[in-house]
Structures are given as structure tokens and as C-alpha cells.
Amino acid sequence: MKKSVEEDVFIPLYPKSTVEDKSSPCSKFQERRFWSAVKLLSNVVLWDGIVQEDKVRDLGLSKLLNRYLLLNILNTPLGPANIEKCTKVVACLPERWFQDLRSGSTLPELVNFCQHLLQ
């Protein structure tokens, strides 16, 4: 899993003017890579409970979400596409990770993602 996250994930960042046209090859490629990384995130977190939780959280949240996915989400204009991306990411996260948290708090690895959601 670590090798896949570190070597197989690539989401290019193009200038905003290049990806505003959703039919452009750059925009389509960037979107395919994003959704591929979301699928990898969902596969990584499936190992929760089998592999040590700190390893799964490190790969899934610290590396995949914060290093790749969040950057793409932050560069996606606010609207339905951004909401869909955020919803799919949230759907990947195991509820068990949030059971012992106080109301209004989150996992340290999710602080930046939560700040985006609040905006």
C-alpha cells in the first residue's frame, strides 16, 4: 500500500485557465487521476482493523488526502463538483475513527480538510 501511495499517485496541477474547460484533455486527465486517488483512499481505509490504525491513517490521511486530494479539492471552484469530491472523501473515512472525539473536534490529520468544509 505504501508503495502504491508513494509511487502510483499523480495528480497534475494545471493553471486554472487550462482546467476551467471541463472538456479539455488536461481537465479530464486531472479528474481521472483525482478519482483514481479517491479509489485508492477507499481501498487503503478498508484495511483499518487489519493493519495498525496509525499506519492506515498515515497512508490514507497524511499522505493521500493531505498531499494529493486536498490540493485538488482546494483548486476546484466552489460548487457541485467540489461538494461531490468532498462527499466522496468523507464517505471513505471509517466512522470508528470519530467515536471517541469530543463534539466539535476532529482528527489532527483532518484539520485542513475540515477548514475547507467549513468555508
N, C-alpha and C. Protein backbone atom coordinates (compact mmCIF):
# COMPACT_ATOMS: atom_id res chain seq x y z
N MET A 1 0.84 -1.20 0.00
CA MET A 1 0.00 0.00 0.00
C MET A 1 0.88 1.25 0.00
N LYS A 2 1.91 1.22 0.81
CA LYS A 2 2.79 2.38 0.90
C LYS A 2 3.43 2.68 -0.46
N LYS A 3 3.84 1.65 -1.14
CA LYS A 3 4.47 1.83 -2.46
C LYS A 3 3.47 2.42 -3.45
N SER A 4 2.22 1.95 -3.42
CA SER A 4 1.20 2.49 -4.32
C SER A 4 0.96 3.97 -4.04
N VAL A 5 0.86 4.32 -2.77
CA VAL A 5 0.61 5.72 -2.41
C VAL A 5 1.79 6.60 -2.82
N GLU A 6 3.00 6.13 -2.57
CA GLU A 6 4.17 6.96 -2.83
C GLU A 6 4.59 7.00 -4.30
N GLU A 7 4.30 5.92 -5.06
CA GLU A 7 4.81 5.86 -6.43
C GLU A 7 3.74 5.93 -7.51
N ASP A 8 2.51 5.55 -7.20
CA ASP A 8 1.49 5.45 -8.24
C ASP A 8 0.55 6.65 -8.30
N VAL A 9 0.49 7.42 -7.23
CA VAL A 9 -0.44 8.55 -7.21
C VAL A 9 0.22 9.76 -7.86
N PHE A 10 -0.48 10.32 -8.82
CA PHE A 10 -0.01 11.53 -9.50
C PHE A 10 -1.23 12.31 -9.94
N ILE A 11 -1.39 13.47 -9.37
CA ILE A 11 -2.46 14.37 -9.80
C ILE A 11 -1.80 15.67 -10.24
N PRO A 12 -1.75 15.90 -11.53
CA PRO A 12 -1.08 17.11 -12.01
C PRO A 12 -1.86 18.37 -11.65
N LEU A 13 -1.14 19.44 -11.45
CA LEU A 13 -1.76 20.74 -11.24
C LEU A 13 -1.52 21.58 -12.48
N TYR A 14 -2.61 21.99 -13.08
CA TYR A 14 -2.54 22.83 -14.27
C TYR A 14 -3.03 24.22 -13.91
N PRO A 15 -2.66 25.22 -14.70
CA PRO A 15 -3.20 26.56 -14.46
C PRO A 15 -4.73 26.54 -14.51
N LYS A 16 -5.33 27.39 -13.71
CA LYS A 16 -6.79 27.43 -13.62
C LYS A 16 -7.44 27.61 -14.99
N SER A 17 -6.84 28.43 -15.82
CA SER A 17 -7.40 28.68 -17.15
C SER A 17 -7.42 27.40 -18.00
N THR A 18 -6.51 26.49 -17.75
CA THR A 18 -6.43 25.25 -18.53
C THR A 18 -7.52 24.27 -18.13
N VAL A 19 -7.85 24.22 -16.84
CA VAL A 19 -8.82 23.21 -16.37
C VAL A 19 -10.24 23.75 -16.23
N GLU A 20 -10.43 25.05 -16.46
CA GLU A 20 -11.79 25.59 -16.39
C GLU A 20 -12.69 24.97 -17.45
N ASP A 21 -12.10 24.67 -18.60
CA ASP A 21 -12.84 23.99 -19.66
C ASP A 21 -12.84 22.50 -19.34
N LYS A 22 -13.97 22.00 -18.84
CA LYS A 22 -14.07 20.62 -18.38
C LYS A 22 -13.90 19.60 -19.50
N SER A 23 -13.99 20.04 -20.75
CA SER A 23 -13.80 19.12 -21.87
C SER A 23 -12.35 19.07 -22.35
N SER A 24 -11.48 19.89 -21.77
CA SER A 24 -10.08 19.90 -22.20
C SER A 24 -9.38 18.63 -21.75
N PRO A 25 -8.41 18.16 -22.51
CA PRO A 25 -7.67 16.95 -22.13
C PRO A 25 -7.01 17.06 -20.75
N CYS A 26 -6.48 18.23 -20.44
CA CYS A 26 -5.83 18.43 -19.13
C CYS A 26 -6.83 18.27 -18.00
N SER A 27 -7.99 18.86 -18.15
CA SER A 27 -9.01 18.78 -17.12
C SER A 27 -9.49 17.34 -16.94
N LYS A 28 -9.71 16.65 -18.05
CA LYS A 28 -10.16 15.26 -17.98
C LYS A 28 -9.12 14.37 -17.32
N PHE A 29 -7.85 14.58 -17.68
CA PHE A 29 -6.78 13.78 -17.10
C PHE A 29 -6.67 14.03 -15.60
N GLN A 30 -6.72 15.29 -15.20
CA GLN A 30 -6.65 15.65 -13.78
C GLN A 30 -7.80 15.01 -13.00
N GLU A 31 -8.98 15.03 -13.56
CA GLU A 31 -10.14 14.45 -12.89
C GLU A 31 -10.00 12.92 -12.76
N ARG A 32 -9.53 12.27 -13.82
CA ARG A 32 -9.33 10.81 -13.75
C ARG A 32 -8.33 10.45 -12.66
N ARG A 33 -7.26 11.22 -12.58
CA ARG A 33 -6.22 10.96 -11.57
C ARG A 33 -6.77 11.21 -10.16
N PHE A 34 -7.59 12.25 -10.01
CA PHE A 34 -8.19 12.53 -8.71
C PHE A 34 -9.05 11.35 -8.27
N TRP A 35 -9.95 10.91 -9.15
CA TRP A 35 -10.87 9.83 -8.77
C TRP A 35 -10.13 8.51 -8.56
N SER A 36 -9.04 8.31 -9.25
CA SER A 36 -8.21 7.13 -9.02
C SER A 36 -7.61 7.17 -7.61
N ALA A 37 -7.18 8.35 -7.19
CA ALA A 37 -6.62 8.51 -5.84
C ALA A 37 -7.70 8.34 -4.77
N VAL A 38 -8.93 8.79 -5.04
CA VAL A 38 -10.03 8.58 -4.10
C VAL A 38 -10.30 7.09 -3.95
N LYS A 39 -10.27 6.37 -5.06
CA LYS A 39 -10.47 4.92 -5.01
C LYS A 39 -9.37 4.26 -4.18
N LEU A 40 -8.15 4.71 -4.36
CA LEU A 40 -7.05 4.18 -3.57
C LEU A 40 -7.26 4.49 -2.08
N LEU A 41 -7.73 5.70 -1.78
CA LEU A 41 -8.02 6.05 -0.38
C LEU A 41 -9.05 5.08 0.20
N SER A 42 -10.11 4.83 -0.55
CA SER A 42 -11.14 3.92 -0.04
C SER A 42 -10.59 2.51 0.17
N ASN A 43 -9.68 2.08 -0.70
CA ASN A 43 -9.06 0.76 -0.54
C ASN A 43 -8.11 0.72 0.66
N VAL A 44 -7.36 1.79 0.86
CA VAL A 44 -6.44 1.85 2.00
C VAL A 44 -7.20 1.77 3.32
N VAL A 45 -8.28 2.54 3.44
CA VAL A 45 -9.00 2.55 4.73
C VAL A 45 -9.77 1.25 4.96
N LEU A 46 -9.98 0.45 3.94
CA LEU A 46 -10.59 -0.86 4.14
C LEU A 46 -9.71 -1.76 5.02
N TRP A 47 -8.43 -1.46 5.08
CA TRP A 47 -7.50 -2.24 5.89
C TRP A 47 -7.54 -1.85 7.36
N ASP A 48 -8.33 -0.83 7.71
CA ASP A 48 -8.47 -0.43 9.10
C ASP A 48 -9.04 -1.61 9.90
N GLY A 49 -8.41 -1.91 11.00
CA GLY A 49 -8.82 -3.05 11.81
C GLY A 49 -8.01 -4.30 11.50
N ILE A 50 -7.35 -4.29 10.36
CA ILE A 50 -6.48 -5.41 9.98
C ILE A 50 -5.02 -4.98 10.14
N VAL A 51 -4.73 -3.82 9.59
CA VAL A 51 -3.40 -3.20 9.72
C VAL A 51 -3.52 -2.16 10.84
N GLN A 52 -2.42 -1.88 11.51
CA GLN A 52 -2.42 -0.91 12.60
C GLN A 52 -3.08 0.40 12.15
N GLU A 53 -3.96 0.93 13.01
CA GLU A 53 -4.70 2.14 12.66
C GLU A 53 -3.79 3.30 12.33
N ASP A 54 -2.70 3.48 13.08
CA ASP A 54 -1.81 4.61 12.80
C ASP A 54 -1.18 4.51 11.42
N LYS A 55 -0.91 3.29 10.95
CA LYS A 55 -0.35 3.11 9.60
C LYS A 55 -1.39 3.45 8.53
N VAL A 56 -2.62 3.00 8.76
CA VAL A 56 -3.70 3.27 7.80
C VAL A 56 -3.98 4.77 7.75
N ARG A 57 -4.04 5.42 8.92
CA ARG A 57 -4.29 6.87 8.95
C ARG A 57 -3.15 7.64 8.31
N ASP A 58 -1.92 7.20 8.53
CA ASP A 58 -0.78 7.89 7.92
C ASP A 58 -0.86 7.81 6.40
N LEU A 59 -1.08 6.61 5.88
CA LEU A 59 -1.17 6.44 4.42
C LEU A 59 -2.39 7.15 3.85
N GLY A 60 -3.54 6.92 4.46
CA GLY A 60 -4.78 7.45 3.91
C GLY A 60 -4.96 8.94 4.09
N LEU A 61 -4.68 9.41 5.28
CA LEU A 61 -4.95 10.83 5.57
C LEU A 61 -3.73 11.71 5.35
N SER A 62 -2.62 11.38 6.00
CA SER A 62 -1.44 12.25 5.90
C SER A 62 -0.86 12.26 4.49
N LYS A 63 -0.81 11.10 3.88
CA LYS A 63 -0.18 11.04 2.55
C LYS A 63 -1.18 11.27 1.42
N LEU A 64 -2.22 10.47 1.34
CA LEU A 64 -3.15 10.60 0.21
C LEU A 64 -4.02 11.85 0.29
N LEU A 65 -4.74 12.00 1.38
CA LEU A 65 -5.66 13.14 1.47
C LEU A 65 -4.92 14.46 1.51
N ASN A 66 -4.00 14.62 2.45
CA ASN A 66 -3.35 15.92 2.62
C ASN A 66 -2.32 16.25 1.56
N ARG A 67 -1.70 15.25 0.99
CA ARG A 67 -0.65 15.51 -0.01
C ARG A 67 -1.20 15.64 -1.42
N TYR A 68 -2.26 14.90 -1.74
CA TYR A 68 -2.74 14.89 -3.12
C TYR A 68 -4.18 15.38 -3.27
N LEU A 69 -5.09 14.73 -2.57
CA LEU A 69 -6.51 15.01 -2.78
C LEU A 69 -6.90 16.42 -2.36
N LEU A 70 -6.45 16.84 -1.20
CA LEU A 70 -6.85 18.15 -0.69
C LEU A 70 -6.39 19.28 -1.60
N LEU A 71 -5.22 19.16 -2.16
CA LEU A 71 -4.72 20.18 -3.07
C LEU A 71 -5.64 20.33 -4.28
N ASN A 72 -6.09 19.21 -4.81
CA ASN A 72 -7.02 19.25 -5.94
C ASN A 72 -8.37 19.83 -5.51
N ILE A 73 -8.86 19.42 -4.36
CA ILE A 73 -10.14 19.94 -3.85
C ILE A 73 -10.07 21.45 -3.66
N LEU A 74 -8.98 21.93 -3.10
CA LEU A 74 -8.83 23.37 -2.86
C LEU A 74 -8.76 24.16 -4.17
N ASN A 75 -8.32 23.51 -5.24
CA ASN A 75 -8.22 24.18 -6.54
C ASN A 75 -9.46 23.98 -7.41
N THR A 76 -10.45 23.26 -6.89
CA THR A 76 -11.70 23.07 -7.59
C THR A 76 -12.65 24.20 -7.19
N PRO A 77 -13.23 24.91 -8.15
CA PRO A 77 -14.13 26.01 -7.79
C PRO A 77 -15.27 25.51 -6.89
N LEU A 78 -15.68 26.36 -5.95
CA LEU A 78 -16.78 26.00 -5.07
C LEU A 78 -18.03 25.77 -5.90
N GLY A 79 -18.74 24.72 -5.58
CA GLY A 79 -19.95 24.37 -6.32
C GLY A 79 -20.17 22.88 -6.26
N PRO A 80 -21.04 22.37 -7.13
CA PRO A 80 -21.40 20.95 -7.10
C PRO A 80 -20.21 19.99 -7.24
N ALA A 81 -19.25 20.31 -8.09
CA ALA A 81 -18.10 19.42 -8.28
C ALA A 81 -17.27 19.32 -7.01
N ASN A 82 -17.08 20.46 -6.34
CA ASN A 82 -16.31 20.47 -5.10
C ASN A 82 -17.05 19.70 -4.00
N ILE A 83 -18.36 19.88 -3.93
CA ILE A 83 -19.16 19.18 -2.93
C ILE A 83 -19.11 17.67 -3.17
N GLU A 84 -19.18 17.26 -4.43
CA GLU A 84 -19.11 15.83 -4.75
C GLU A 84 -17.77 15.24 -4.33
N LYS A 85 -16.69 15.95 -4.59
CA LYS A 85 -15.36 15.46 -4.21
C LYS A 85 -15.26 15.31 -2.69
N CYS A 86 -15.71 16.33 -1.97
CA CYS A 86 -15.64 16.29 -0.51
C CYS A 86 -16.51 15.17 0.05
N THR A 87 -17.68 14.99 -0.51
CA THR A 87 -18.60 13.94 -0.06
C THR A 87 -17.99 12.56 -0.25
N LYS A 88 -17.36 12.35 -1.38
CA LYS A 88 -16.74 11.04 -1.66
C LYS A 88 -15.58 10.77 -0.71
N VAL A 89 -14.80 11.80 -0.42
CA VAL A 89 -13.69 11.63 0.53
C VAL A 89 -14.23 11.28 1.91
N VAL A 90 -15.24 12.01 2.37
CA VAL A 90 -15.83 11.75 3.69
C VAL A 90 -16.39 10.34 3.75
N ALA A 91 -17.01 9.89 2.68
CA ALA A 91 -17.60 8.54 2.64
C ALA A 91 -16.54 7.45 2.82
N CYS A 92 -15.29 7.74 2.51
CA CYS A 92 -14.22 6.77 2.65
C CYS A 92 -13.78 6.58 4.11
N LEU A 93 -14.02 7.57 4.94
CA LEU A 93 -13.48 7.56 6.30
C LEU A 93 -14.29 6.67 7.23
N PRO A 94 -13.62 5.78 7.96
CA PRO A 94 -14.32 4.89 8.89
C PRO A 94 -14.93 5.67 10.06
N GLU A 95 -16.18 5.40 10.37
CA GLU A 95 -16.85 6.07 11.49
C GLU A 95 -16.13 5.82 12.80
N ARG A 96 -15.53 4.66 12.93
CA ARG A 96 -14.84 4.28 14.16
C ARG A 96 -13.78 5.30 14.57
N TRP A 97 -13.15 5.95 13.60
CA TRP A 97 -12.11 6.93 13.90
C TRP A 97 -12.65 8.14 14.65
N PHE A 98 -13.94 8.36 14.60
CA PHE A 98 -14.53 9.57 15.16
C PHE A 98 -15.32 9.32 16.45
N GLN A 99 -15.42 8.08 16.87
CA GLN A 99 -16.27 7.73 18.01
C GLN A 99 -15.81 8.34 19.32
N ASP A 100 -14.53 8.43 19.57
CA ASP A 100 -14.03 8.93 20.86
C ASP A 100 -13.68 10.41 20.85
N LEU A 101 -14.03 11.11 19.80
CA LEU A 101 -13.73 12.54 19.71
C LEU A 101 -14.80 13.37 20.41
N ARG A 102 -14.37 14.47 20.99
CA ARG A 102 -15.33 15.40 21.59
C ARG A 102 -16.09 16.10 20.47
N SER A 103 -17.26 16.57 20.81
CA SER A 103 -18.07 17.32 19.85
C SER A 103 -17.30 18.55 19.37
N GLY A 104 -17.30 18.77 18.09
CA GLY A 104 -16.62 19.93 17.52
C GLY A 104 -15.14 19.72 17.26
N SER A 105 -14.62 18.54 17.54
CA SER A 105 -13.20 18.28 17.28
C SER A 105 -13.07 17.27 16.15
N THR A 106 -11.86 17.12 15.67
CA THR A 106 -11.61 16.19 14.58
C THR A 106 -10.23 15.56 14.74
N LEU A 107 -9.89 14.68 13.87
CA LEU A 107 -8.57 14.07 13.86
C LEU A 107 -7.55 15.12 13.43
N PRO A 108 -6.34 15.08 13.99
CA PRO A 108 -5.32 16.08 13.60
C PRO A 108 -5.05 16.10 12.10
N GLU A 109 -5.12 14.93 11.46
CA GLU A 109 -4.84 14.85 10.02
C GLU A 109 -5.94 15.47 9.17
N LEU A 110 -7.09 15.73 9.78
CA LEU A 110 -8.23 16.25 9.03
C LEU A 110 -8.48 17.75 9.24
N VAL A 111 -7.62 18.41 9.97
CA VAL A 111 -7.84 19.83 10.30
C VAL A 111 -7.99 20.68 9.04
N ASN A 112 -7.08 20.53 8.08
CA ASN A 112 -7.15 21.35 6.87
C ASN A 112 -8.38 21.03 6.02
N PHE A 113 -8.71 19.76 5.94
CA PHE A 113 -9.91 19.35 5.19
C PHE A 113 -11.16 19.93 5.86
N CYS A 114 -11.22 19.86 7.17
CA CYS A 114 -12.37 20.41 7.91
C CYS A 114 -12.48 21.92 7.73
N GLN A 115 -11.35 22.61 7.71
CA GLN A 115 -11.39 24.06 7.48
C GLN A 115 -11.98 24.37 6.12
N HIS A 116 -11.64 23.57 5.11
CA HIS A 116 -12.22 23.75 3.78
C HIS A 116 -13.72 23.50 3.82
N LEU A 117 -14.14 22.45 4.51
CA LEU A 117 -15.56 22.13 4.59
C LEU A 117 -16.33 23.26 5.28
N LEU A 118 -15.74 23.86 6.29
CA LEU A 118 -16.41 24.97 6.99
C LEU A 118 -16.56 26.19 6.11
N GLN A 119 -15.65 26.39 5.18
CA GLN A 119 -15.75 27.54 4.28
C GLN A 119 -16.90 27.33 3.35
